[in-house]
Amino acid sequence: MDTFSKEKRSWIMAQVKSEGSRSTEARLVSVLREQHITGWRRRYPLDGKPDFVFPEARVAVFVDGCFWHGGPRGCRMPKTHRDYWQRKIARNVARDKRVTKALQVKGWKVIRIWEDRVLSPSTIRRLRKALV
């Protein structure tokens, strides 16, 4: 059982903003700088609001939180309101797929990075490969 009323829980969840993964994004910024990967922009006006965009290479990068986007290693489903969360995360995953497809149709390469893989060497390789 939830310890908060429905109204209080709704208010708490409304406080979680889409840019709430700043620390994860900041880690990717430091990796990009460390690796001398340039040409990226933030808050670039593009469908789906990618976290990073490389306009010249037409690459959109999303840093997806494991919980909110159903990450294979980091999505630990809450014990309470399980049906709600399963539906919520499934909707997020479906939206991610729609956004990825829409951008690809417009000629963009889309890279999705799980928050727990930001510092992984494979992430850098994927980025470099997409930027060629």
N, C-alpha and C. Protein backbone atom coordinates (compact mmCIF):
# COMPACT_ATOMS: atom_id res chain seq x y z
N MET A 1 0.84 -1.19 0.00
CA MET A 1 0.00 0.00 0.00
C MET A 1 0.88 1.25 0.00
N ASP A 2 0.48 2.24 -0.76
CA ASP A 2 1.22 3.49 -0.85
C ASP A 2 1.09 4.26 0.46
N THR A 3 2.17 4.90 0.87
CA THR A 3 2.14 5.67 2.12
C THR A 3 1.56 7.06 1.93
N PHE A 4 1.36 7.48 0.66
CA PHE A 4 0.80 8.81 0.37
C PHE A 4 -0.60 8.68 -0.20
N SER A 5 -1.37 9.75 -0.03
CA SER A 5 -2.69 9.78 -0.66
C SER A 5 -2.51 9.86 -2.17
N LYS A 6 -3.58 9.57 -2.91
CA LYS A 6 -3.52 9.63 -4.37
C LYS A 6 -3.12 11.03 -4.84
N GLU A 7 -3.67 12.06 -4.19
CA GLU A 7 -3.37 13.45 -4.57
C GLU A 7 -1.91 13.79 -4.29
N LYS A 8 -1.42 13.37 -3.12
CA LYS A 8 -0.03 13.64 -2.76
C LYS A 8 0.93 12.91 -3.71
N ARG A 9 0.63 11.64 -4.01
CA ARG A 9 1.47 10.87 -4.93
C ARG A 9 1.48 11.53 -6.31
N SER A 10 0.34 11.98 -6.76
CA SER A 10 0.23 12.66 -8.05
C SER A 10 1.10 13.92 -8.06
N TRP A 11 1.04 14.69 -6.97
CA TRP A 11 1.85 15.90 -6.87
C TRP A 11 3.34 15.54 -6.90
N ILE A 12 3.74 14.53 -6.15
CA ILE A 12 5.15 14.10 -6.11
C ILE A 12 5.62 13.71 -7.51
N MET A 13 4.83 12.92 -8.22
CA MET A 13 5.22 12.47 -9.55
C MET A 13 5.27 13.63 -10.54
N ALA A 14 4.40 14.62 -10.36
CA ALA A 14 4.40 15.79 -11.24
C ALA A 14 5.68 16.61 -11.09
N GLN A 15 6.34 16.47 -9.96
CA GLN A 15 7.59 17.21 -9.71
C GLN A 15 8.78 16.60 -10.46
N VAL A 16 8.62 15.38 -10.96
CA VAL A 16 9.68 14.72 -11.70
C VAL A 16 9.65 15.27 -13.12
N LYS A 17 10.62 16.08 -13.46
CA LYS A 17 10.65 16.73 -14.75
C LYS A 17 11.42 15.90 -15.77
N SER A 18 11.16 16.14 -17.06
CA SER A 18 11.80 15.38 -18.11
C SER A 18 13.30 15.64 -18.18
N GLU A 19 13.76 16.74 -17.61
CA GLU A 19 15.18 17.02 -17.59
C GLU A 19 15.79 16.63 -16.25
N GLY A 20 15.12 15.72 -15.56
CA GLY A 20 15.56 15.32 -14.24
C GLY A 20 16.81 14.45 -14.22
N SER A 21 17.26 14.02 -15.40
CA SER A 21 18.45 13.16 -15.45
C SER A 21 19.70 13.99 -15.71
N ARG A 22 19.73 15.18 -15.17
CA ARG A 22 20.86 16.08 -15.41
C ARG A 22 22.19 15.48 -15.02
N SER A 23 22.23 14.73 -13.92
CA SER A 23 23.50 14.17 -13.51
C SER A 23 23.99 13.14 -14.53
N THR A 24 23.08 12.35 -15.08
CA THR A 24 23.45 11.38 -16.10
C THR A 24 23.91 12.10 -17.36
N GLU A 25 23.16 13.11 -17.76
CA GLU A 25 23.54 13.89 -18.94
C GLU A 25 24.86 14.60 -18.71
N ALA A 26 25.10 15.09 -17.50
CA ALA A 26 26.37 15.74 -17.18
C ALA A 26 27.53 14.77 -17.32
N ARG A 27 27.29 13.51 -16.94
CA ARG A 27 28.34 12.50 -17.13
C ARG A 27 28.64 12.31 -18.60
N LEU A 28 27.60 12.31 -19.44
CA LEU A 28 27.84 12.15 -20.87
C LEU A 28 28.57 13.38 -21.43
N VAL A 29 28.23 14.55 -20.95
CA VAL A 29 28.95 15.76 -21.38
C VAL A 29 30.43 15.61 -21.06
N SER A 30 30.75 15.15 -19.87
CA SER A 30 32.16 15.00 -19.50
C SER A 30 32.85 13.95 -20.37
N VAL A 31 32.14 12.88 -20.70
CA VAL A 31 32.70 11.85 -21.58
C VAL A 31 32.95 12.43 -22.98
N LEU A 32 31.98 13.15 -23.49
CA LEU A 32 32.14 13.75 -24.82
C LEU A 32 33.34 14.69 -24.86
N ARG A 33 33.48 15.50 -23.83
CA ARG A 33 34.62 16.42 -23.77
C ARG A 33 35.94 15.68 -23.62
N GLU A 34 35.95 14.69 -22.73
CA GLU A 34 37.14 13.87 -22.49
C GLU A 34 37.61 13.18 -23.77
N GLN A 35 36.66 12.71 -24.56
CA GLN A 35 36.95 11.99 -25.79
C GLN A 35 37.10 12.91 -27.01
N HIS A 36 37.01 14.22 -26.78
CA HIS A 36 37.14 15.22 -27.84
C HIS A 36 36.11 15.02 -28.95
N ILE A 37 34.91 14.65 -28.55
CA ILE A 37 33.80 14.50 -29.50
C ILE A 37 33.07 15.84 -29.52
N THR A 38 33.07 16.48 -30.65
CA THR A 38 32.52 17.84 -30.76
C THR A 38 31.32 17.86 -31.72
N GLY A 39 30.71 19.03 -31.80
CA GLY A 39 29.61 19.25 -32.73
C GLY A 39 28.24 18.99 -32.15
N TRP A 40 28.16 18.71 -30.86
CA TRP A 40 26.86 18.40 -30.25
C TRP A 40 26.20 19.66 -29.70
N ARG A 41 24.89 19.59 -29.65
CA ARG A 41 24.07 20.67 -29.09
C ARG A 41 23.08 20.05 -28.11
N ARG A 42 22.67 20.86 -27.16
CA ARG A 42 21.62 20.44 -26.21
C ARG A 42 20.40 21.31 -26.47
N ARG A 43 19.24 20.82 -26.07
CA ARG A 43 17.96 21.53 -26.26
C ARG A 43 17.77 21.97 -27.72
N TYR A 44 18.16 21.10 -28.63
CA TYR A 44 18.00 21.35 -30.06
C TYR A 44 16.55 21.04 -30.43
N PRO A 45 15.90 21.91 -31.19
CA PRO A 45 14.47 21.71 -31.49
C PRO A 45 14.26 20.56 -32.48
N LEU A 46 14.05 19.38 -31.93
CA LEU A 46 13.86 18.19 -32.75
C LEU A 46 12.81 17.30 -32.10
N ASP A 47 12.06 16.58 -32.90
CA ASP A 47 11.01 15.68 -32.38
C ASP A 47 11.56 14.77 -31.29
N GLY A 48 10.81 14.61 -30.23
CA GLY A 48 11.19 13.71 -29.15
C GLY A 48 12.14 14.33 -28.14
N LYS A 49 12.61 15.53 -28.39
CA LYS A 49 13.53 16.24 -27.49
C LYS A 49 14.76 15.42 -27.10
N PRO A 50 15.62 15.11 -28.08
CA PRO A 50 16.84 14.37 -27.74
C PRO A 50 17.68 15.14 -26.73
N ASP A 51 18.46 14.41 -25.94
CA ASP A 51 19.32 15.04 -24.95
C ASP A 51 20.51 15.72 -25.62
N PHE A 52 21.00 15.13 -26.71
CA PHE A 52 22.12 15.67 -27.46
C PHE A 52 21.83 15.49 -28.94
N VAL A 53 22.18 16.50 -29.73
CA VAL A 53 22.00 16.42 -31.17
C VAL A 53 23.30 16.86 -31.83
N PHE A 54 23.72 16.09 -32.82
CA PHE A 54 24.86 16.44 -33.66
C PHE A 54 24.26 16.83 -35.01
N PRO A 55 23.93 18.13 -35.19
CA PRO A 55 23.17 18.56 -36.38
C PRO A 55 23.86 18.22 -37.71
N GLU A 56 25.15 18.46 -37.79
CA GLU A 56 25.84 18.22 -39.06
C GLU A 56 25.84 16.74 -39.43
N ALA A 57 25.98 15.87 -38.47
CA ALA A 57 25.99 14.43 -38.72
C ALA A 57 24.58 13.84 -38.71
N ARG A 58 23.59 14.66 -38.34
CA ARG A 58 22.20 14.23 -38.22
C ARG A 58 22.08 13.02 -37.30
N VAL A 59 22.65 13.18 -36.10
CA VAL A 59 22.59 12.14 -35.08
C VAL A 59 21.88 12.71 -33.85
N ALA A 60 20.87 12.00 -33.38
CA ALA A 60 20.14 12.38 -32.17
C ALA A 60 20.46 11.35 -31.10
N VAL A 61 20.82 11.84 -29.91
CA VAL A 61 21.21 10.96 -28.81
C VAL A 61 20.24 11.15 -27.65
N PHE A 62 19.68 10.04 -27.19
CA PHE A 62 18.81 10.04 -26.03
C PHE A 62 19.51 9.27 -24.92
N VAL A 63 19.55 9.84 -23.73
CA VAL A 63 20.07 9.14 -22.56
C VAL A 63 18.83 8.70 -21.78
N ASP A 64 18.56 7.41 -21.83
CA ASP A 64 17.33 6.88 -21.25
C ASP A 64 17.56 6.35 -19.85
N GLY A 65 16.75 6.81 -18.92
CA GLY A 65 16.80 6.29 -17.56
C GLY A 65 16.29 4.86 -17.53
N CYS A 66 16.99 4.01 -16.82
CA CYS A 66 16.65 2.59 -16.80
C CYS A 66 15.24 2.34 -16.27
N PHE A 67 14.85 3.04 -15.23
CA PHE A 67 13.51 2.81 -14.68
C PHE A 67 12.44 3.31 -15.64
N TRP A 68 12.51 4.56 -16.04
CA TRP A 68 11.45 5.18 -16.82
C TRP A 68 11.31 4.61 -18.22
N HIS A 69 12.39 4.05 -18.75
CA HIS A 69 12.35 3.55 -20.13
C HIS A 69 12.48 2.03 -20.22
N GLY A 70 12.35 1.34 -19.09
CA GLY A 70 12.33 -0.11 -19.09
C GLY A 70 13.67 -0.76 -19.39
N GLY A 71 14.73 -0.20 -18.83
CA GLY A 71 16.08 -0.73 -19.07
C GLY A 71 16.22 -2.20 -18.68
N PRO A 72 16.95 -2.96 -19.47
CA PRO A 72 17.07 -4.40 -19.21
C PRO A 72 17.79 -4.74 -17.90
N ARG A 73 18.69 -3.86 -17.46
CA ARG A 73 19.44 -4.15 -16.24
C ARG A 73 18.96 -3.33 -15.04
N GLY A 74 18.38 -2.16 -15.29
CA GLY A 74 18.10 -1.27 -14.18
C GLY A 74 16.66 -0.97 -13.89
N CYS A 75 15.73 -1.63 -14.56
CA CYS A 75 14.32 -1.35 -14.31
C CYS A 75 13.80 -2.30 -13.25
N ARG A 76 13.80 -1.84 -12.03
CA ARG A 76 13.26 -2.64 -10.93
C ARG A 76 11.85 -2.17 -10.63
N MET A 77 10.91 -3.00 -10.95
CA MET A 77 9.51 -2.64 -10.82
C MET A 77 9.12 -2.49 -9.35
N PRO A 78 8.44 -1.38 -9.01
CA PRO A 78 7.99 -1.22 -7.63
C PRO A 78 7.04 -2.34 -7.23
N LYS A 79 7.01 -2.63 -5.94
CA LYS A 79 6.15 -3.70 -5.44
C LYS A 79 4.70 -3.24 -5.33
N THR A 80 4.50 -1.94 -5.13
CA THR A 80 3.12 -1.44 -5.04
C THR A 80 2.71 -0.85 -6.39
N HIS A 81 1.45 -0.95 -6.70
CA HIS A 81 0.88 -0.40 -7.93
C HIS A 81 1.59 -0.94 -9.17
N ARG A 82 1.94 -2.20 -9.11
CA ARG A 82 2.72 -2.84 -10.17
C ARG A 82 2.06 -2.71 -11.55
N ASP A 83 0.74 -2.91 -11.63
CA ASP A 83 0.04 -2.80 -12.92
C ASP A 83 0.19 -1.40 -13.50
N TYR A 84 0.02 -0.40 -12.64
CA TYR A 84 0.18 0.99 -13.09
C TYR A 84 1.56 1.20 -13.71
N TRP A 85 2.60 0.80 -12.99
CA TRP A 85 3.97 1.04 -13.45
C TRP A 85 4.29 0.25 -14.70
N GLN A 86 3.81 -0.96 -14.80
CA GLN A 86 4.04 -1.75 -16.02
C GLN A 86 3.42 -1.07 -17.23
N ARG A 87 2.19 -0.56 -17.06
CA ARG A 87 1.54 0.16 -18.17
C ARG A 87 2.28 1.46 -18.49
N LYS A 88 2.66 2.19 -17.46
CA LYS A 88 3.37 3.47 -17.65
C LYS A 88 4.67 3.26 -18.42
N ILE A 89 5.46 2.30 -17.98
CA ILE A 89 6.75 2.05 -18.62
C ILE A 89 6.55 1.51 -20.03
N ALA A 90 5.54 0.67 -20.24
CA ALA A 90 5.24 0.16 -21.58
C ALA A 90 4.88 1.31 -22.52
N ARG A 91 4.12 2.29 -22.02
CA ARG A 91 3.79 3.47 -22.85
C ARG A 91 5.06 4.26 -23.19
N ASN A 92 5.96 4.40 -22.22
CA ASN A 92 7.21 5.11 -22.48
C ASN A 92 8.04 4.40 -23.54
N VAL A 93 8.13 3.07 -23.44
CA VAL A 93 8.89 2.28 -24.41
C VAL A 93 8.27 2.42 -25.80
N ALA A 94 6.95 2.37 -25.88
CA ALA A 94 6.27 2.52 -27.17
C ALA A 94 6.52 3.91 -27.75
N ARG A 95 6.47 4.94 -26.90
CA ARG A 95 6.75 6.30 -27.36
C ARG A 95 8.18 6.41 -27.87
N ASP A 96 9.13 5.82 -27.14
CA ASP A 96 10.53 5.84 -27.58
C ASP A 96 10.67 5.24 -28.97
N LYS A 97 9.99 4.12 -29.21
CA LYS A 97 10.04 3.47 -30.53
C LYS A 97 9.45 4.36 -31.61
N ARG A 98 8.31 5.02 -31.30
CA ARG A 98 7.68 5.92 -32.28
C ARG A 98 8.60 7.08 -32.62
N VAL A 99 9.21 7.67 -31.59
CA VAL A 99 10.11 8.82 -31.80
C VAL A 99 11.32 8.39 -32.62
N THR A 100 11.90 7.24 -32.28
CA THR A 100 13.07 6.75 -33.01
C THR A 100 12.71 6.55 -34.47
N LYS A 101 11.60 5.90 -34.74
CA LYS A 101 11.16 5.63 -36.12
C LYS A 101 10.91 6.94 -36.87
N ALA A 102 10.23 7.88 -36.23
CA ALA A 102 9.92 9.16 -36.89
C ALA A 102 11.20 9.91 -37.27
N LEU A 103 12.19 9.91 -36.38
CA LEU A 103 13.45 10.58 -36.68
C LEU A 103 14.20 9.85 -37.80
N GLN A 104 14.19 8.53 -37.76
CA GLN A 104 14.87 7.75 -38.80
C GLN A 104 14.25 8.00 -40.16
N VAL A 105 12.93 8.10 -40.21
CA VAL A 105 12.23 8.38 -41.47
C VAL A 105 12.67 9.74 -42.02
N LYS A 106 13.00 10.67 -41.14
CA LYS A 106 13.46 12.00 -41.56
C LYS A 106 14.96 12.05 -41.83
N GLY A 107 15.61 10.90 -41.78
CA GLY A 107 17.03 10.83 -42.13
C GLY A 107 18.00 11.00 -40.97
N TRP A 108 17.52 10.87 -39.75
CA TRP A 108 18.39 10.99 -38.58
C TRP A 108 18.83 9.61 -38.10
N LYS A 109 20.06 9.54 -37.61
CA LYS A 109 20.52 8.35 -36.89
C LYS A 109 20.15 8.59 -35.43
N VAL A 110 19.64 7.57 -34.79
CA VAL A 110 19.22 7.70 -33.39
C VAL A 110 20.05 6.75 -32.54
N ILE A 111 20.66 7.31 -31.51
CA ILE A 111 21.43 6.52 -30.55
C ILE A 111 20.71 6.64 -29.22
N ARG A 112 20.39 5.51 -28.62
CA ARG A 112 19.79 5.50 -27.29
C ARG A 112 20.79 4.86 -26.34
N ILE A 113 21.10 5.58 -25.28
CA ILE A 113 22.10 5.13 -24.31
C ILE A 113 21.41 4.95 -22.97
N TRP A 114 21.55 3.75 -22.40
CA TRP A 114 21.01 3.53 -21.06
C TRP A 114 21.86 4.28 -20.04
N GLU A 115 21.21 4.84 -19.04
CA GLU A 115 21.92 5.65 -18.05
C GLU A 115 23.07 4.89 -17.40
N ASP A 116 22.93 3.58 -17.25
CA ASP A 116 23.99 2.81 -16.60
C ASP A 116 25.11 2.41 -17.57
N ARG A 117 25.00 2.85 -18.83
CA ARG A 117 26.02 2.54 -19.83
C ARG A 117 26.73 3.80 -20.36
N VAL A 118 26.45 4.94 -19.76
CA VAL A 118 27.03 6.21 -20.24
C VAL A 118 28.56 6.14 -20.24
N LEU A 119 29.15 5.56 -19.24
CA LEU A 119 30.61 5.54 -19.13
C LEU A 119 31.25 4.33 -19.81
N SER A 120 30.46 3.51 -20.44
CA SER A 120 30.97 2.30 -21.07
C SER A 120 31.76 2.61 -22.34
N PRO A 121 32.90 1.95 -22.55
CA PRO A 121 33.66 2.13 -23.80
C PRO A 121 32.82 1.81 -25.04
N SER A 122 31.88 0.88 -24.92
CA SER A 122 31.04 0.55 -26.08
C SER A 122 30.15 1.73 -26.47
N THR A 123 29.78 2.56 -25.51
CA THR A 123 28.98 3.75 -25.80
C THR A 123 29.77 4.71 -26.67
N ILE A 124 31.02 4.92 -26.34
CA ILE A 124 31.88 5.81 -27.12
C ILE A 124 32.05 5.26 -28.54
N ARG A 125 32.28 3.96 -28.65
CA ARG A 125 32.42 3.35 -29.98
C ARG A 125 31.16 3.54 -30.81
N ARG A 126 30.00 3.34 -30.19
CA ARG A 126 28.73 3.53 -30.92
C ARG A 126 28.57 4.97 -31.40
N LEU A 127 28.90 5.91 -30.53
CA LEU A 127 28.81 7.32 -30.91
C LEU A 127 29.74 7.66 -32.06
N ARG A 128 30.99 7.26 -31.91
CA ARG A 128 31.98 7.54 -32.97
C ARG A 128 31.56 6.93 -34.31
N LYS A 129 31.06 5.71 -34.27
CA LYS A 129 30.61 5.04 -35.50
C LYS A 129 29.45 5.80 -36.14
N ALA A 130 28.49 6.26 -35.32
CA ALA A 130 27.33 7.00 -35.85
C ALA A 130 27.74 8.34 -36.43
N LEU A 131 28.80 8.93 -35.93
CA LEU A 131 29.21 10.27 -36.37
C LEU A 131 30.06 10.25 -37.64
N VAL A 132 30.42 9.07 -38.10
CA VAL A 132 31.25 8.98 -39.32
C VAL A 132 30.42 9.24 -40.53
